[in-house]
Amino acid sequence: MTKSMLASKNLPQPITRASEGQHWIRVLAAELALRLNTARESEPTLWPKTIVLHARQGMRTSFRRCVM
């Protein structure tokens, strides 16, 4: 049984424009969607319960959690 899925990116350059942030969120979402679809082949009722986004700016880390 799948307990968690992870998609992570360490970017070579900081994100400075909103469009760059949107691009990377789309990349991460596509990665998670692919993994979820693959996992559903063996567990068709699998559904995410929570998604968490962590962001680091220098030494400061923040996160947002969303219950689905």
PDB file of N, CA and C in Angstrom:
ATOM      1  N   MET A   1       0.841  -1.180   0.000  1.00  0.00           N
ATOM      2  CA  MET A   1       0.000   0.000   0.000  1.00  0.00           C
ATOM      3  C   MET A   1       0.886   1.245   0.000  1.00  0.00           C
ATOM      4  N   THR A   2       0.570   2.200  -0.849  1.00  0.00           N
ATOM      5  CA  THR A   2       1.321   3.446  -0.935  1.00  0.00           C
ATOM      6  C   THR A   2       0.933   4.352   0.227  1.00  0.00           C
ATOM      7  N   LYS A   3       1.939   4.817   0.971  1.00  0.00           N
ATOM      8  CA  LYS A   3       1.681   5.711   2.098  1.00  0.00           C
ATOM      9  C   LYS A   3       1.930   7.165   1.720  1.00  0.00           C
ATOM     10  N   SER A   4       2.951   7.408   0.893  1.00  0.00           N
ATOM     11  CA  SER A   4       3.242   8.782   0.502  1.00  0.00           C
ATOM     12  C   SER A   4       3.946   8.802  -0.841  1.00  0.00           C
ATOM     13  N   MET A   5       3.866   9.956  -1.491  1.00  0.00           N
ATOM     14  CA  MET A   5       4.562  10.184  -2.749  1.00  0.00           C
ATOM     15  C   MET A   5       5.314  11.495  -2.601  1.00  0.00           C
ATOM     16  N   LEU A   6       6.460  11.567  -3.221  1.00  0.00           N
ATOM     17  CA  LEU A   6       7.293  12.749  -3.099  1.00  0.00           C
ATOM     18  C   LEU A   6       7.724  13.214  -4.472  1.00  0.00           C
ATOM     19  N   ALA A   7       7.658  14.507  -4.679  1.00  0.00           N
ATOM     20  CA  ALA A   7       8.252  15.134  -5.855  1.00  0.00           C
ATOM     21  C   ALA A   7       9.032  16.327  -5.328  1.00  0.00           C
ATOM     22  N   SER A   8      10.269  16.431  -5.740  1.00  0.00           N
ATOM     23  CA  SER A   8      11.134  17.474  -5.194  1.00  0.00           C
ATOM     24  C   SER A   8      12.019  18.036  -6.295  1.00  0.00           C
ATOM     25  N   LYS A   9      12.282  19.318  -6.223  1.00  0.00           N
ATOM     26  CA  LYS A   9      13.184  19.971  -7.164  1.00  0.00           C
ATOM     27  C   LYS A   9      14.095  20.923  -6.391  1.00  0.00           C
ATOM     28  N   ASN A  10      15.383  20.843  -6.677  1.00  0.00           N
ATOM     29  CA  ASN A  10      16.341  21.829  -6.191  1.00  0.00           C
ATOM     30  C   ASN A  10      16.733  22.658  -7.401  1.00  0.00           C
ATOM     31  N   LEU A  11      16.340  23.896  -7.419  1.00  0.00           N
ATOM     32  CA  LEU A  11      16.525  24.734  -8.597  1.00  0.00           C
ATOM     33  C   LEU A  11      17.909  25.371  -8.603  1.00  0.00           C
ATOM     34  N   PRO A  12      18.545  25.428  -9.780  1.00  0.00           N
ATOM     35  CA  PRO A  12      19.886  26.013  -9.866  1.00  0.00           C
ATOM     36  C   PRO A  12      19.881  27.523  -9.648  1.00  0.00           C
ATOM     37  N   GLN A  13      18.796  28.178 -10.012  1.00  0.00           N
ATOM     38  CA  GLN A  13      18.657  29.625  -9.838  1.00  0.00           C
ATOM     39  C   GLN A  13      17.386  29.913  -9.050  1.00  0.00           C
ATOM     40  N   PRO A  14      17.391  30.946  -8.230  1.00  0.00           N
ATOM     41  CA  PRO A  14      16.163  31.304  -7.499  1.00  0.00           C
ATOM     42  C   PRO A  14      15.050  31.709  -8.461  1.00  0.00           C
ATOM     43  N   ILE A  15      13.839  31.465  -8.064  1.00  0.00           N
ATOM     44  CA  ILE A  15      12.676  31.908  -8.834  1.00  0.00           C
ATOM     45  C   ILE A  15      12.484  33.391  -8.544  1.00  0.00           C
ATOM     46  N   THR A  16      12.442  34.196  -9.606  1.00  0.00           N
ATOM     47  CA  THR A  16      12.308  35.643  -9.422  1.00  0.00           C
ATOM     48  C   THR A  16      11.022  36.203 -10.021  1.00  0.00           C
ATOM     49  N   ARG A  17      10.340  35.395 -10.847  1.00  0.00           N
ATOM     50  CA  ARG A  17       9.090  35.836 -11.471  1.00  0.00           C
ATOM     51  C   ARG A  17       7.996  34.820 -11.181  1.00  0.00           C
ATOM     52  N   ALA A  18       6.769  35.314 -11.086  1.00  0.00           N
ATOM     53  CA  ALA A  18       5.627  34.426 -10.826  1.00  0.00           C
ATOM     54  C   ALA A  18       5.518  33.341 -11.895  1.00  0.00           C
ATOM     55  N   SER A  19       5.813  33.669 -13.133  1.00  0.00           N
ATOM     56  CA  SER A  19       5.697  32.681 -14.214  1.00  0.00           C
ATOM     57  C   SER A  19       6.672  31.524 -14.016  1.00  0.00           C
ATOM     58  N   GLU A  20       7.836  31.798 -13.446  1.00  0.00           N
ATOM     59  CA  GLU A  20       8.796  30.724 -13.157  1.00  0.00           C
ATOM     60  C   GLU A  20       8.241  29.798 -12.077  1.00  0.00           C
ATOM     61  N   GLY A  21       7.632  30.375 -11.059  1.00  0.00           N
ATOM     62  CA  GLY A  21       7.023  29.572  -9.997  1.00  0.00           C
ATOM     63  C   GLY A  21       5.904  28.703 -10.535  1.00  0.00           C
ATOM     64  N   GLN A  22       5.070  29.278 -11.386  1.00  0.00           N
ATOM     65  CA  GLN A  22       3.974  28.517 -11.987  1.00  0.00           C
ATOM     66  C   GLN A  22       4.511  27.368 -12.826  1.00  0.00           C
ATOM     67  N   HIS A  23       5.589  27.611 -13.552  1.00  0.00           N
ATOM     68  CA  HIS A  23       6.200  26.554 -14.367  1.00  0.00           C
ATOM     69  C   HIS A  23       6.623  25.375 -13.493  1.00  0.00           C
ATOM     70  N   TRP A  24       7.338  25.631 -12.407  1.00  0.00           N
ATOM     71  CA  TRP A  24       7.846  24.546 -11.570  1.00  0.00           C
ATOM     72  C   TRP A  24       6.727  23.839 -10.819  1.00  0.00           C
ATOM     73  N   ILE A  25       5.690  24.558 -10.442  1.00  0.00           N
ATOM     74  CA  ILE A  25       4.541  23.902  -9.798  1.00  0.00           C
ATOM     75  C   ILE A  25       3.863  22.961 -10.793  1.00  0.00           C
ATOM     76  N   ARG A  26       3.767  23.377 -12.074  1.00  0.00           N
ATOM     77  CA  ARG A  26       3.209  22.494 -13.097  1.00  0.00           C
ATOM     78  C   ARG A  26       4.074  21.256 -13.290  1.00  0.00           C
ATOM     79  N   VAL A  27       5.400  21.419 -13.271  1.00  0.00           N
ATOM     80  CA  VAL A  27       6.310  20.280 -13.417  1.00  0.00           C
ATOM     81  C   VAL A  27       6.100  19.293 -12.266  1.00  0.00           C
ATOM     82  N   LEU A  28       6.048  19.807 -11.030  1.00  0.00           N
ATOM     83  CA  LEU A  28       5.846  18.936  -9.869  1.00  0.00           C
ATOM     84  C   LEU A  28       4.477  18.259  -9.915  1.00  0.00           C
ATOM     85  N   ALA A  29       3.450  19.008 -10.307  1.00  0.00           N
ATOM     86  CA  ALA A  29       2.100  18.432 -10.392  1.00  0.00           C
ATOM     87  C   ALA A  29       2.046  17.316 -11.431  1.00  0.00           C
ATOM     88  N   ALA A  30       2.701  17.516 -12.561  1.00  0.00           N
ATOM     89  CA  ALA A  30       2.715  16.486 -13.604  1.00  0.00           C
ATOM     90  C   ALA A  30       3.430  15.234 -13.111  1.00  0.00           C
ATOM     91  N   GLU A  31       4.522  15.428 -12.373  1.00  0.00           N
ATOM     92  CA  GLU A  31       5.264  14.288 -11.820  1.00  0.00           C
ATOM     93  C   GLU A  31       4.400  13.490 -10.840  1.00  0.00           C
ATOM     94  N   LEU A  32       3.709  14.206  -9.960  1.00  0.00           N
ATOM     95  CA  LEU A  32       2.835  13.528  -8.994  1.00  0.00           C
ATOM     96  C   LEU A  32       1.662  12.846  -9.688  1.00  0.00           C
ATOM     97  N   ALA A  33       1.099  13.484 -10.707  1.00  0.00           N
ATOM     98  CA  ALA A  33      -0.021  12.879 -11.442  1.00  0.00           C
ATOM     99  C   ALA A  33       0.419  11.579 -12.113  1.00  0.00           C
ATOM    100  N   LEU A  34       1.600  11.577 -12.691  1.00  0.00           N
ATOM    101  CA  LEU A  34       2.117  10.368 -13.333  1.00  0.00           C
ATOM    102  C   LEU A  34       2.284   9.247 -12.309  1.00  0.00           C
ATOM    103  N   ARG A  35       2.861   9.575 -11.155  1.00  0.00           N
ATOM    104  CA  ARG A  35       3.046   8.565 -10.099  1.00  0.00           C
ATOM    105  C   ARG A  35       1.708   8.061  -9.571  1.00  0.00           C
ATOM    106  N   LEU A  36       0.758   8.967  -9.409  1.00  0.00           N
ATOM    107  CA  LEU A  36      -0.557   8.567  -8.910  1.00  0.00           C
ATOM    108  C   LEU A  36      -1.253   7.646  -9.909  1.00  0.00           C
ATOM    109  N   ASN A  37      -1.198   7.988 -11.177  1.00  0.00           N
ATOM    110  CA  ASN A  37      -1.814   7.133 -12.198  1.00  0.00           C
ATOM    111  C   ASN A  37      -1.168   5.753 -12.230  1.00  0.00           C
ATOM    112  N   THR A  38       0.144   5.696 -12.090  1.00  0.00           N
ATOM    113  CA  THR A  38       0.845   4.415 -12.050  1.00  0.00           C
ATOM    114  C   THR A  38       0.429   3.613 -10.819  1.00  0.00           C
ATOM    115  N   ALA A  39       0.350   4.278  -9.666  1.00  0.00           N
ATOM    116  CA  ALA A  39      -0.039   3.601  -8.425  1.00  0.00           C
ATOM    117  C   ALA A  39      -1.478   3.098  -8.502  1.00  0.00           C
ATOM    118  N   ARG A  40      -2.323   3.823  -9.219  1.00  0.00           N
ATOM    119  CA  ARG A  40      -3.727   3.424  -9.335  1.00  0.00           C
ATOM    120  C   ARG A  40      -3.907   2.176 -10.188  1.00  0.00           C
ATOM    121  N   GLU A  41      -2.904   1.793 -10.949  1.00  0.00           N
ATOM    122  CA  GLU A  41      -3.005   0.550 -11.712  1.00  0.00           C
ATOM    123  C   GLU A  41      -3.107  -0.649 -10.776  1.00  0.00           C
ATOM    124  N   SER A  42      -2.429  -0.575  -9.624  1.00  0.00           N
ATOM    125  CA  SER A  42      -2.505  -1.673  -8.657  1.00  0.00           C
ATOM    126  C   SER A  42      -3.487  -1.383  -7.520  1.00  0.00           C
ATOM    127  N   GLU A  43      -3.758  -0.114  -7.247  1.00  0.00           N
ATOM    128  CA  GLU A  43      -4.706   0.288  -6.203  1.00  0.00           C
ATOM    129  C   GLU A  43      -5.666   1.323  -6.782  1.00  0.00           C
ATOM    130  N   PRO A  44      -6.717   0.899  -7.487  1.00  0.00           N
ATOM    131  CA  PRO A  44      -7.607   1.835  -8.192  1.00  0.00           C
ATOM    132  C   PRO A  44      -8.301   2.866  -7.307  1.00  0.00           C
ATOM    133  N   THR A  45      -8.450   2.586  -6.026  1.00  0.00           N
ATOM    134  CA  THR A  45      -9.157   3.530  -5.148  1.00  0.00           C
ATOM    135  C   THR A  45      -8.219   4.505  -4.447  1.00  0.00           C
ATOM    136  N   LEU A  46      -6.941   4.460  -4.769  1.00  0.00           N
ATOM    137  CA  LEU A  46      -5.964   5.354  -4.141  1.00  0.00           C
ATOM    138  C   LEU A  46      -6.298   6.807  -4.451  1.00  0.00           C
ATOM    139  N   TRP A  47      -6.343   7.632  -3.410  1.00  0.00           N
ATOM    140  CA  TRP A  47      -6.649   9.049  -3.588  1.00  0.00           C
ATOM    141  C   TRP A  47      -5.843   9.859  -2.582  1.00  0.00           C
ATOM    142  N   PRO A  48      -5.217  10.961  -3.006  1.00  0.00           N
ATOM    143  CA  PRO A  48      -4.431  11.775  -2.064  1.00  0.00           C
ATOM    144  C   PRO A  48      -5.324  12.420  -1.006  1.00  0.00           C
ATOM    145  N   LYS A  49      -4.789  12.515   0.188  1.00  0.00           N
ATOM    146  CA  LYS A  49      -5.521  13.141   1.289  1.00  0.00           C
ATOM    147  C   LYS A  49      -4.987  14.536   1.585  1.00  0.00           C
ATOM    148  N   THR A  50      -3.679  14.716   1.399  1.00  0.00           N
ATOM    149  CA  THR A  50      -3.031  15.988   1.730  1.00  0.00           C
ATOM    150  C   THR A  50      -1.917  16.250   0.727  1.00  0.00           C
ATOM    151  N   ILE A  51      -1.722  17.524   0.402  1.00  0.00           N
ATOM    152  CA  ILE A  51      -0.565  17.915  -0.394  1.00  0.00           C
ATOM    153  C   ILE A  51       0.151  19.030   0.374  1.00  0.00           C
ATOM    154  N   VAL A  52       1.475  18.966   0.406  1.00  0.00           N
ATOM    155  CA  VAL A  52       2.281  19.936   1.140  1.00  0.00           C
ATOM    156  C   VAL A  52       3.334  20.501   0.198  1.00  0.00           C
ATOM    157  N   LEU A  53       3.479  21.801   0.196  1.00  0.00           N
ATOM    158  CA  LEU A  53       4.487  22.471  -0.610  1.00  0.00           C
ATOM    159  C   LEU A  53       5.459  23.175   0.329  1.00  0.00           C
ATOM    160  N   HIS A  54       6.742  22.825   0.233  1.00  0.00           N
ATOM    161  CA  HIS A  54       7.787  23.474   1.014  1.00  0.00           C
ATOM    162  C   HIS A  54       8.561  24.398   0.087  1.00  0.00           C
ATOM    163  N   ALA A  55       8.908  25.560   0.574  1.00  0.00           N
ATOM    164  CA  ALA A  55       9.728  26.496  -0.199  1.00  0.00           C
ATOM    165  C   ALA A  55      10.818  27.044   0.717  1.00  0.00           C
ATOM    166  N   ARG A  56      12.002  27.168   0.163  1.00  0.00           N
ATOM    167  CA  ARG A  56      13.121  27.681   0.956  1.00  0.00           C
ATOM    168  C   ARG A  56      13.633  28.957   0.296  1.00  0.00           C
ATOM    169  N   GLN A  57      13.833  29.966   1.113  1.00  0.00           N
ATOM    170  CA  GLN A  57      14.410  31.226   0.650  1.00  0.00           C
ATOM    171  C   GLN A  57      15.560  31.544   1.592  1.00  0.00           C
ATOM    172  N   GLY A  58      16.779  31.309   1.105  1.00  0.00           N
ATOM    173  CA  GLY A  58      17.935  31.454   1.975  1.00  0.00           C
ATOM    174  C   GLY A  58      17.872  30.408   3.073  1.00  0.00           C
ATOM    175  N   MET A  59      17.935  30.829   4.304  1.00  0.00           N
ATOM    176  CA  MET A  59      17.876  29.903   5.441  1.00  0.00           C
ATOM    177  C   MET A  59      16.457  29.707   5.952  1.00  0.00           C
ATOM    178  N   ARG A  60      15.507  30.494   5.421  1.00  0.00           N
ATOM    179  CA  ARG A  60      14.116  30.420   5.882  1.00  0.00           C
ATOM    180  C   ARG A  60      13.326  29.418   5.047  1.00  0.00           C
ATOM    181  N   THR A  61      12.602  28.552   5.707  1.00  0.00           N
ATOM    182  CA  THR A  61      11.750  27.566   5.036  1.00  0.00           C
ATOM    183  C   THR A  61      10.306  27.823   5.423  1.00  0.00           C
ATOM    184  N   SER A  62       9.428  27.746   4.453  1.00  0.00           N
ATOM    185  CA  SER A  62       7.992  27.864   4.741  1.00  0.00           C
ATOM    186  C   SER A  62       7.276  26.727   4.028  1.00  0.00           C
ATOM    187  N   PHE A  63       6.072  26.430   4.470  1.00  0.00           N
ATOM    188  CA  PHE A  63       5.307  25.376   3.820  1.00  0.00           C
ATOM    189  C   PHE A  63       3.831  25.688   3.889  1.00  0.00           C
ATOM    190  N   ARG A  64       3.098  25.110   2.961  1.00  0.00           N
ATOM    191  CA  ARG A  64       1.640  25.193   2.926  1.00  0.00           C
ATOM    192  C   ARG A  64       1.098  23.778   2.810  1.00  0.00           C
ATOM    193  N   ARG A  65       0.082  23.489   3.595  1.00  0.00           N
ATOM    194  CA  ARG A  65      -0.557  22.170   3.577  1.00  0.00           C
ATOM    195  C   ARG A  65      -2.004  22.356   3.158  1.00  0.00           C
ATOM    196  N   CYS A  66      -2.468  21.472   2.287  1.00  0.00           N
ATOM    197  CA  CYS A  66      -3.843  21.546   1.802  1.00  0.00           C
ATOM    198  C   CYS A  66      -4.487  20.175   1.921  1.00  0.00           C
ATOM    199  N   VAL A  67      -5.591  20.102   2.625  1.00  0.00           N
ATOM    200  CA  VAL A  67      -6.343  18.849   2.728  1.00  0.00           C
ATOM    201  C   VAL A  67      -7.224  18.765   1.487  1.00  0.00           C
ATOM    202  N   MET A  68      -7.208  17.591   0.874  1.00  0.00           N
ATOM    203  CA  MET A  68      -7.950  17.427  -0.382  1.00  0.00           C
ATOM    204  C   MET A  68      -9.286  16.785  -0.129  1.00  0.00           C
TER     205      MET A  68
END
